[in-house]
Amino acid sequence: MKVKITFYGQAADVVKSNSIEWDFDDSISAFGLKKSIQVKYPQISSIELKLAVNNKMVVKDFDLNDCDEISVLPPFSGG
């Protein structure tokens, strides 16, 4: 399963990239993906991240599908 992950704000700064593609051998949930990101990029653990899949905010037990587009969103405020 391959997904495209786009990072914004502080998350992009930590990863040093705006987007990556990531392959998984098995299915994975949004929570599993978030944990995998934290393992690969330990500095990102200090940022409270939200995930959106295909432009919709998701909860941690949401199952990802092949070719999903994930947005990793740091805290933000309106204005």
PDB file of N, CA and C in Angstrom:
ATOM      1  N   MET A   1       0.852  -1.164   0.000  1.00  0.00           N
ATOM      2  CA  MET A   1       0.000   0.000   0.000  1.00  0.00           C
ATOM      3  C   MET A   1       0.902   1.232   0.000  1.00  0.00           C
ATOM      4  N   LYS A   2       0.619   2.168  -0.863  1.00  0.00           N
ATOM      5  CA  LYS A   2       1.400   3.401  -0.960  1.00  0.00           C
ATOM      6  C   LYS A   2       0.483   4.589  -0.686  1.00  0.00           C
ATOM      7  N   VAL A   3       0.980   5.515   0.164  1.00  0.00           N
ATOM      8  CA  VAL A   3       0.239   6.731   0.452  1.00  0.00           C
ATOM      9  C   VAL A   3       1.150   7.932   0.238  1.00  0.00           C
ATOM     10  N   LYS A   4       0.538   9.061  -0.064  1.00  0.00           N
ATOM     11  CA  LYS A   4       1.276  10.317  -0.180  1.00  0.00           C
ATOM     12  C   LYS A   4       0.992  11.118   1.076  1.00  0.00           C
ATOM     13  N   ILE A   5       2.059  11.594   1.715  1.00  0.00           N
ATOM     14  CA  ILE A   5       1.933  12.343   2.958  1.00  0.00           C
ATOM     15  C   ILE A   5       2.456  13.755   2.725  1.00  0.00           C
ATOM     16  N   THR A   6       1.618  14.744   3.003  1.00  0.00           N
ATOM     17  CA  THR A   6       2.006  16.145   2.875  1.00  0.00           C
ATOM     18  C   THR A   6       2.094  16.744   4.273  1.00  0.00           C
ATOM     19  N   PHE A   7       3.209  17.391   4.544  1.00  0.00           N
ATOM     20  CA  PHE A   7       3.457  18.003   5.847  1.00  0.00           C
ATOM     21  C   PHE A   7       3.303  19.517   5.740  1.00  0.00           C
ATOM     22  N   TYR A   8       2.765  20.115   6.799  1.00  0.00           N
ATOM     23  CA  TYR A   8       2.565  21.560   6.835  1.00  0.00           C
ATOM     24  C   TYR A   8       3.226  22.152   8.074  1.00  0.00           C
ATOM     25  N   GLY A   9       3.600  23.417   7.980  1.00  0.00           N
ATOM     26  CA  GLY A   9       4.108  24.171   9.117  1.00  0.00           C
ATOM     27  C   GLY A   9       5.294  23.521   9.804  1.00  0.00           C
ATOM     28  N   GLN A  10       5.206  23.424  11.141  1.00  0.00           N
ATOM     29  CA  GLN A  10       6.282  22.863  11.947  1.00  0.00           C
ATOM     30  C   GLN A  10       6.607  21.433  11.548  1.00  0.00           C
ATOM     31  N   ALA A  11       5.603  20.674  11.156  1.00  0.00           N
ATOM     32  CA  ALA A  11       5.833  19.284  10.755  1.00  0.00           C
ATOM     33  C   ALA A  11       6.742  19.223   9.532  1.00  0.00           C
ATOM     34  N   ALA A  12       6.512  20.098   8.559  1.00  0.00           N
ATOM     35  CA  ALA A  12       7.368  20.143   7.363  1.00  0.00           C
ATOM     36  C   ALA A  12       8.789  20.560   7.734  1.00  0.00           C
ATOM     37  N   ASP A  13       8.915  21.458   8.691  1.00  0.00           N
ATOM     38  CA  ASP A  13      10.243  21.880   9.141  1.00  0.00           C
ATOM     39  C   ASP A  13      11.017  20.711   9.747  1.00  0.00           C
ATOM     40  N   VAL A  14      10.359  19.906  10.559  1.00  0.00           N
ATOM     41  CA  VAL A  14      11.014  18.759  11.193  1.00  0.00           C
ATOM     42  C   VAL A  14      11.410  17.714  10.160  1.00  0.00           C
ATOM     43  N   VAL A  15      10.507  17.416   9.232  1.00  0.00           N
ATOM     44  CA  VAL A  15      10.741  16.378   8.221  1.00  0.00           C
ATOM     45  C   VAL A  15      11.697  16.876   7.137  1.00  0.00           C
ATOM     46  N   LYS A  16      11.803  18.190   7.020  1.00  0.00           N
ATOM     47  CA  LYS A  16      12.632  18.827   5.994  1.00  0.00           C
ATOM     48  C   LYS A  16      12.148  18.495   4.581  1.00  0.00           C
ATOM     49  N   SER A  17      10.824  18.384   4.478  1.00  0.00           N
ATOM     50  CA  SER A  17      10.189  18.125   3.183  1.00  0.00           C
ATOM     51  C   SER A  17       8.714  18.485   3.307  1.00  0.00           C
ATOM     52  N   ASN A  18       8.134  18.893   2.190  1.00  0.00           N
ATOM     53  CA  ASN A  18       6.692  19.160   2.189  1.00  0.00           C
ATOM     54  C   ASN A  18       5.879  17.904   1.951  1.00  0.00           C
ATOM     55  N   SER A  19       6.455  16.937   1.244  1.00  0.00           N
ATOM     56  CA  SER A  19       5.695  15.712   1.001  1.00  0.00           C
ATOM     57  C   SER A  19       6.630  14.534   0.743  1.00  0.00           C
ATOM     58  N   ILE A  20       6.120  13.356   1.086  1.00  0.00           N
ATOM     59  CA  ILE A  20       6.834  12.103   0.835  1.00  0.00           C
ATOM     60  C   ILE A  20       5.807  11.053   0.412  1.00  0.00           C
ATOM     61  N   GLU A  21       6.280  10.007  -0.216  1.00  0.00           N
ATOM     62  CA  GLU A  21       5.446   8.834  -0.472  1.00  0.00           C
ATOM     63  C   GLU A  21       5.994   7.716   0.399  1.00  0.00           C
ATOM     64  N   TRP A  22       5.081   6.943   0.967  1.00  0.00           N
ATOM     65  CA  TRP A  22       5.494   5.910   1.904  1.00  0.00           C
ATOM     66  C   TRP A  22       4.772   4.624   1.546  1.00  0.00           C
ATOM     67  N   ASP A  23       5.529   3.536   1.475  1.00  0.00           N
ATOM     68  CA  ASP A  23       4.974   2.216   1.190  1.00  0.00           C
ATOM     69  C   ASP A  23       4.829   1.423   2.476  1.00  0.00           C
ATOM     70  N   PHE A  24       3.700   0.743   2.629  1.00  0.00           N
ATOM     71  CA  PHE A  24       3.459  -0.145   3.759  1.00  0.00           C
ATOM     72  C   PHE A  24       3.122  -1.526   3.218  1.00  0.00           C
ATOM     73  N   ASP A  25       3.663  -2.564   3.869  1.00  0.00           N
ATOM     74  CA  ASP A  25       3.382  -3.932   3.442  1.00  0.00           C
ATOM     75  C   ASP A  25       1.957  -4.351   3.776  1.00  0.00           C
ATOM     76  N   ASP A  26       1.445  -3.846   4.883  1.00  0.00           N
ATOM     77  CA  ASP A  26       0.112  -4.215   5.353  1.00  0.00           C
ATOM     78  C   ASP A  26      -0.761  -2.974   5.475  1.00  0.00           C
ATOM     79  N   SER A  27      -2.034  -3.204   5.762  1.00  0.00           N
ATOM     80  CA  SER A  27      -2.922  -2.064   5.987  1.00  0.00           C
ATOM     81  C   SER A  27      -2.508  -1.368   7.282  1.00  0.00           C
ATOM     82  N   ILE A  28      -2.873  -0.107   7.388  1.00  0.00           N
ATOM     83  CA  ILE A  28      -2.492   0.692   8.546  1.00  0.00           C
ATOM     84  C   ILE A  28      -3.587   1.709   8.824  1.00  0.00           C
ATOM     85  N   SER A  29      -3.746   2.041  10.100  1.00  0.00           N
ATOM     86  CA  SER A  29      -4.726   3.054  10.489  1.00  0.00           C
ATOM     87  C   SER A  29      -4.048   4.419  10.552  1.00  0.00           C
ATOM     88  N   ALA A  30      -4.854   5.459  10.682  1.00  0.00           N
ATOM     89  CA  ALA A  30      -4.308   6.804  10.832  1.00  0.00           C
ATOM     90  C   ALA A  30      -3.424   6.869  12.077  1.00  0.00           C
ATOM     91  N   PHE A  31      -3.850   6.207  13.159  1.00  0.00           N
ATOM     92  CA  PHE A  31      -3.054   6.172  14.384  1.00  0.00           C
ATOM     93  C   PHE A  31      -1.720   5.465  14.135  1.00  0.00           C
ATOM     94  N   GLY A  32      -1.748   4.345  13.414  1.00  0.00           N
ATOM     95  CA  GLY A  32      -0.520   3.614  13.086  1.00  0.00           C
ATOM     96  C   GLY A  32       0.425   4.457  12.246  1.00  0.00           C
ATOM     97  N   LEU A  33      -0.123   5.203  11.305  1.00  0.00           N
ATOM     98  CA  LEU A  33       0.702   6.083  10.473  1.00  0.00           C
ATOM     99  C   LEU A  33       1.338   7.173  11.325  1.00  0.00           C
ATOM    100  N   LYS A  34       0.553   7.765  12.214  1.00  0.00           N
ATOM    101  CA  LYS A  34       1.079   8.822  13.080  1.00  0.00           C
ATOM    102  C   LYS A  34       2.226   8.279  13.934  1.00  0.00           C
ATOM    103  N   LYS A  35       2.064   7.081  14.476  1.00  0.00           N
ATOM    104  CA  LYS A  35       3.127   6.459  15.269  1.00  0.00           C
ATOM    105  C   LYS A  35       4.352   6.178  14.411  1.00  0.00           C
ATOM    106  N   SER A  36       4.156   5.714  13.184  1.00  0.00           N
ATOM    107  CA  SER A  36       5.278   5.442  12.275  1.00  0.00           C
ATOM    108  C   SER A  36       6.049   6.728  11.959  1.00  0.00           C
ATOM    109  N   ILE A  37       5.318   7.822  11.775  1.00  0.00           N
ATOM    110  CA  ILE A  37       5.960   9.112  11.517  1.00  0.00           C
ATOM    111  C   ILE A  37       6.789   9.521  12.738  1.00  0.00           C
ATOM    112  N   GLN A  38       6.238   9.322  13.940  1.00  0.00           N
ATOM    113  CA  GLN A  38       6.956   9.693  15.157  1.00  0.00           C
ATOM    114  C   GLN A  38       8.208   8.847  15.362  1.00  0.00           C
ATOM    115  N   VAL A  39       8.176   7.593  14.941  1.00  0.00           N
ATOM    116  CA  VAL A  39       9.357   6.733  15.048  1.00  0.00           C
ATOM    117  C   VAL A  39      10.431   7.195  14.067  1.00  0.00           C
ATOM    118  N   LYS A  40      10.019   7.493  12.843  1.00  0.00           N
ATOM    119  CA  LYS A  40      10.983   7.903  11.822  1.00  0.00           C
ATOM    120  C   LYS A  40      11.530   9.306  12.087  1.00  0.00           C
ATOM    121  N   TYR A  41      10.700  10.184  12.622  1.00  0.00           N
ATOM    122  CA  TYR A  41      11.083  11.569  12.897  1.00  0.00           C
ATOM    123  C   TYR A  41      10.779  11.873  14.369  1.00  0.00           C
ATOM    124  N   PRO A  42      11.636  11.434  15.298  1.00  0.00           N
ATOM    125  CA  PRO A  42      11.343  11.571  16.738  1.00  0.00           C
ATOM    126  C   PRO A  42      11.044  13.005  17.188  1.00  0.00           C
ATOM    127  N   GLN A  43      11.644  13.990  16.539  1.00  0.00           N
ATOM    128  CA  GLN A  43      11.429  15.384  16.937  1.00  0.00           C
ATOM    129  C   GLN A  43       9.980  15.815  16.737  1.00  0.00           C
ATOM    130  N   ILE A  44       9.261  15.124  15.882  1.00  0.00           N
ATOM    131  CA  ILE A  44       7.880  15.503  15.575  1.00  0.00           C
ATOM    132  C   ILE A  44       6.934  15.136  16.720  1.00  0.00           C
ATOM    133  N   SER A  45       7.409  14.277  17.631  1.00  0.00           N
ATOM    134  CA  SER A  45       6.570  13.833  18.751  1.00  0.00           C
ATOM    135  C   SER A  45       6.145  14.976  19.663  1.00  0.00           C
ATOM    136  N   SER A  46       6.909  16.048  19.678  1.00  0.00           N
ATOM    137  CA  SER A  46       6.580  17.181  20.546  1.00  0.00           C
ATOM    138  C   SER A  46       5.488  18.081  19.960  1.00  0.00           C
ATOM    139  N   ILE A  47       5.080  17.802  18.732  1.00  0.00           N
ATOM    140  CA  ILE A  47       4.050  18.607  18.063  1.00  0.00           C
ATOM    141  C   ILE A  47       2.731  17.835  18.094  1.00  0.00           C
ATOM    142  N   GLU A  48       1.666  18.490  18.521  1.00  0.00           N
ATOM    143  CA  GLU A  48       0.353  17.834  18.524  1.00  0.00           C
ATOM    144  C   GLU A  48      -0.226  17.871  17.114  1.00  0.00           C
ATOM    145  N   LEU A  49      -0.167  16.745  16.439  1.00  0.00           N
ATOM    146  CA  LEU A  49      -0.553  16.676  15.027  1.00  0.00           C
ATOM    147  C   LEU A  49      -1.974  16.178  14.839  1.00  0.00           C
ATOM    148  N   LYS A  50      -2.625  16.680  13.818  1.00  0.00           N
ATOM    149  CA  LYS A  50      -3.918  16.179  13.340  1.00  0.00           C
ATOM    150  C   LYS A  50      -3.685  15.624  11.941  1.00  0.00           C
ATOM    151  N   LEU A  51      -4.480  14.638  11.575  1.00  0.00           N
ATOM    152  CA  LEU A  51      -4.364  14.050  10.243  1.00  0.00           C
ATOM    153  C   LEU A  51      -5.649  14.249   9.462  1.00  0.00           C
ATOM    154  N   ALA A  52      -5.482  14.536   8.186  1.00  0.00           N
ATOM    155  CA  ALA A  52      -6.606  14.574   7.253  1.00  0.00           C
ATOM    156  C   ALA A  52      -6.292  13.580   6.143  1.00  0.00           C
ATOM    157  N   VAL A  53      -7.301  12.842   5.724  1.00  0.00           N
ATOM    158  CA  VAL A  53      -7.150  11.872   4.638  1.00  0.00           C
ATOM    159  C   VAL A  53      -8.082  12.295   3.519  1.00  0.00           C
ATOM    160  N   ASN A  54      -7.488  12.507   2.353  1.00  0.00           N
ATOM    161  CA  ASN A  54      -8.262  12.960   1.199  1.00  0.00           C
ATOM    162  C   ASN A  54      -9.097  14.197   1.538  1.00  0.00           C
ATOM    163  N   ASN A  55      -8.452  15.141   2.234  1.00  0.00           N
ATOM    164  CA  ASN A  55      -9.029  16.441   2.597  1.00  0.00           C
ATOM    165  C   ASN A  55     -10.124  16.388   3.648  1.00  0.00           C
ATOM    166  N   LYS A  56     -10.206  15.290   4.429  1.00  0.00           N
ATOM    167  CA  LYS A  56     -11.191  15.198   5.504  1.00  0.00           C
ATOM    168  C   LYS A  56     -10.468  14.810   6.784  1.00  0.00           C
ATOM    169  N   MET A  57     -10.736  15.547   7.859  1.00  0.00           N
ATOM    170  CA  MET A  57     -10.142  15.218   9.152  1.00  0.00           C
ATOM    171  C   MET A  57     -10.611  13.830   9.572  1.00  0.00           C
ATOM    172  N   VAL A  58      -9.693  13.053  10.179  1.00  0.00           N
ATOM    173  CA  VAL A  58     -10.029  11.687  10.567  1.00  0.00           C
ATOM    174  C   VAL A  58      -9.668  11.429  12.025  1.00  0.00           C
ATOM    175  N   VAL A  59     -10.288  10.396  12.569  1.00  0.00           N
ATOM    176  CA  VAL A  59      -9.965   9.942  13.924  1.00  0.00           C
ATOM    177  C   VAL A  59      -8.892   8.862  13.829  1.00  0.00           C
ATOM    178  N   LYS A  60      -8.290   8.538  14.973  1.00  0.00           N
ATOM    179  CA  LYS A  60      -7.123   7.669  14.968  1.00  0.00           C
ATOM    180  C   LYS A  60      -7.384   6.257  14.470  1.00  0.00           C
ATOM    181  N   ASP A  61      -8.610   5.740  14.560  1.00  0.00           N
ATOM    182  CA  ASP A  61      -8.854   4.366  14.124  1.00  0.00           C
ATOM    183  C   ASP A  61      -9.313   4.279  12.664  1.00  0.00           C
ATOM    184  N   PHE A  62      -9.206   5.369  11.931  1.00  0.00           N
ATOM    185  CA  PHE A  62      -9.568   5.394  10.509  1.00  0.00           C
ATOM    186  C   PHE A  62      -8.561   4.564   9.716  1.00  0.00           C
ATOM    187  N   ASP A  63      -9.050   3.605   8.927  1.00  0.00           N
ATOM    188  CA  ASP A  63      -8.162   2.759   8.121  1.00  0.00           C
ATOM    189  C   ASP A  63      -7.801   3.443   6.811  1.00  0.00           C
ATOM    190  N   LEU A  64      -6.516   3.445   6.506  1.00  0.00           N
ATOM    191  CA  LEU A  64      -6.031   4.049   5.270  1.00  0.00           C
ATOM    192  C   LEU A  64      -6.139   3.063   4.115  1.00  0.00           C
ATOM    193  N   ASN A  65      -6.224   3.601   2.904  1.00  0.00           N
ATOM    194  CA  ASN A  65      -6.310   2.791   1.695  1.00  0.00           C
ATOM    195  C   ASN A  65      -5.182   3.164   0.744  1.00  0.00           C
ATOM    196  N   ASP A  66      -4.894   2.271  -0.179  1.00  0.00           N
ATOM    197  CA  ASP A  66      -3.874   2.531  -1.185  1.00  0.00           C
ATOM    198  C   ASP A  66      -4.196   3.834  -1.919  1.00  0.00           C
ATOM    199  N   CYS A  67      -3.176   4.629  -2.133  1.00  0.00           N
ATOM    200  CA  CYS A  67      -3.261   5.900  -2.868  1.00  0.00           C
ATOM    201  C   CYS A  67      -3.938   7.029  -2.095  1.00  0.00           C
ATOM    202  N   ASP A  68      -4.210   6.840  -0.798  1.00  0.00           N
ATOM    203  CA  ASP A  68      -4.761   7.940  -0.010  1.00  0.00           C
ATOM    204  C   ASP A  68      -3.751   9.082   0.053  1.00  0.00           C
ATOM    205  N   GLU A  69      -4.268  10.295   0.179  1.00  0.00           N
ATOM    206  CA  GLU A  69      -3.431  11.474   0.368  1.00  0.00           C
ATOM    207  C   GLU A  69      -3.649  11.972   1.788  1.00  0.00           C
ATOM    208  N   ILE A  70      -2.576  11.937   2.572  1.00  0.00           N
ATOM    209  CA  ILE A  70      -2.645  12.296   3.976  1.00  0.00           C
ATOM    210  C   ILE A  70      -2.011  13.656   4.181  1.00  0.00           C
ATOM    211  N   SER A  71      -2.679  14.507   4.942  1.00  0.00           N
ATOM    212  CA  SER A  71      -2.124  15.806   5.332  1.00  0.00           C
ATOM    213  C   SER A  71      -1.800  15.733   6.814  1.00  0.00           C
ATOM    214  N   VAL A  72      -0.575  16.108   7.165  1.00  0.00           N
ATOM    215  CA  VAL A  72      -0.146  16.144   8.563  1.00  0.00           C
ATOM    216  C   VAL A  72      -0.157  17.613   8.976  1.00  0.00           C
ATOM    217  N   LEU A  73      -1.065  17.929   9.906  1.00  0.00           N
ATOM    218  CA  LEU A  73      -1.343  19.313  10.263  1.00  0.00           C
ATOM    219  C   LEU A  73      -0.917  19.610  11.702  1.00  0.00           C
ATOM    220  N   PRO A  74      -0.049  20.581  11.878  1.00  0.00           N
ATOM    221  CA  PRO A  74       0.313  21.018  13.230  1.00  0.00           C
ATOM    222  C   PRO A  74      -0.806  21.916  13.780  1.00  0.00           C
ATOM    223  N   PRO A  75      -0.700  22.308  15.047  1.00  0.00           N
ATOM    224  CA  PRO A  75      -1.712  23.232  15.583  1.00  0.00           C
ATOM    225  C   PRO A  75      -1.739  24.523  14.767  1.00  0.00           C
ATOM    226  N   PHE A  76      -2.915  25.077  14.615  1.00  0.00           N
ATOM    227  CA  PHE A  76      -3.053  26.336  13.882  1.00  0.00           C
ATOM    228  C   PHE A  76      -4.185  27.125  14.509  1.00  0.00           C
ATOM    229  N   SER A  77      -4.190  28.411  14.243  1.00  0.00           N
ATOM    230  CA  SER A  77      -5.251  29.264  14.773  1.00  0.00           C
ATOM    231  C   SER A  77      -5.831  30.098  13.635  1.00  0.00           C
ATOM    232  N   GLY A  78      -7.064  30.477  13.833  1.00  0.00           N
ATOM    233  CA  GLY A  78      -7.741  31.292  12.823  1.00  0.00           C
ATOM    234  C   GLY A  78      -7.396  32.766  12.991  1.00  0.00           C
ATOM    235  N   GLY A  79      -7.881  33.530  12.064  1.00  0.00           N
ATOM    236  CA  GLY A  79      -7.584  34.944  12.207  1.00  0.00           C
ATOM    237  C   GLY A  79      -8.372  35.788  11.272  1.00  0.00           C
TER     238      GLY A  79
END
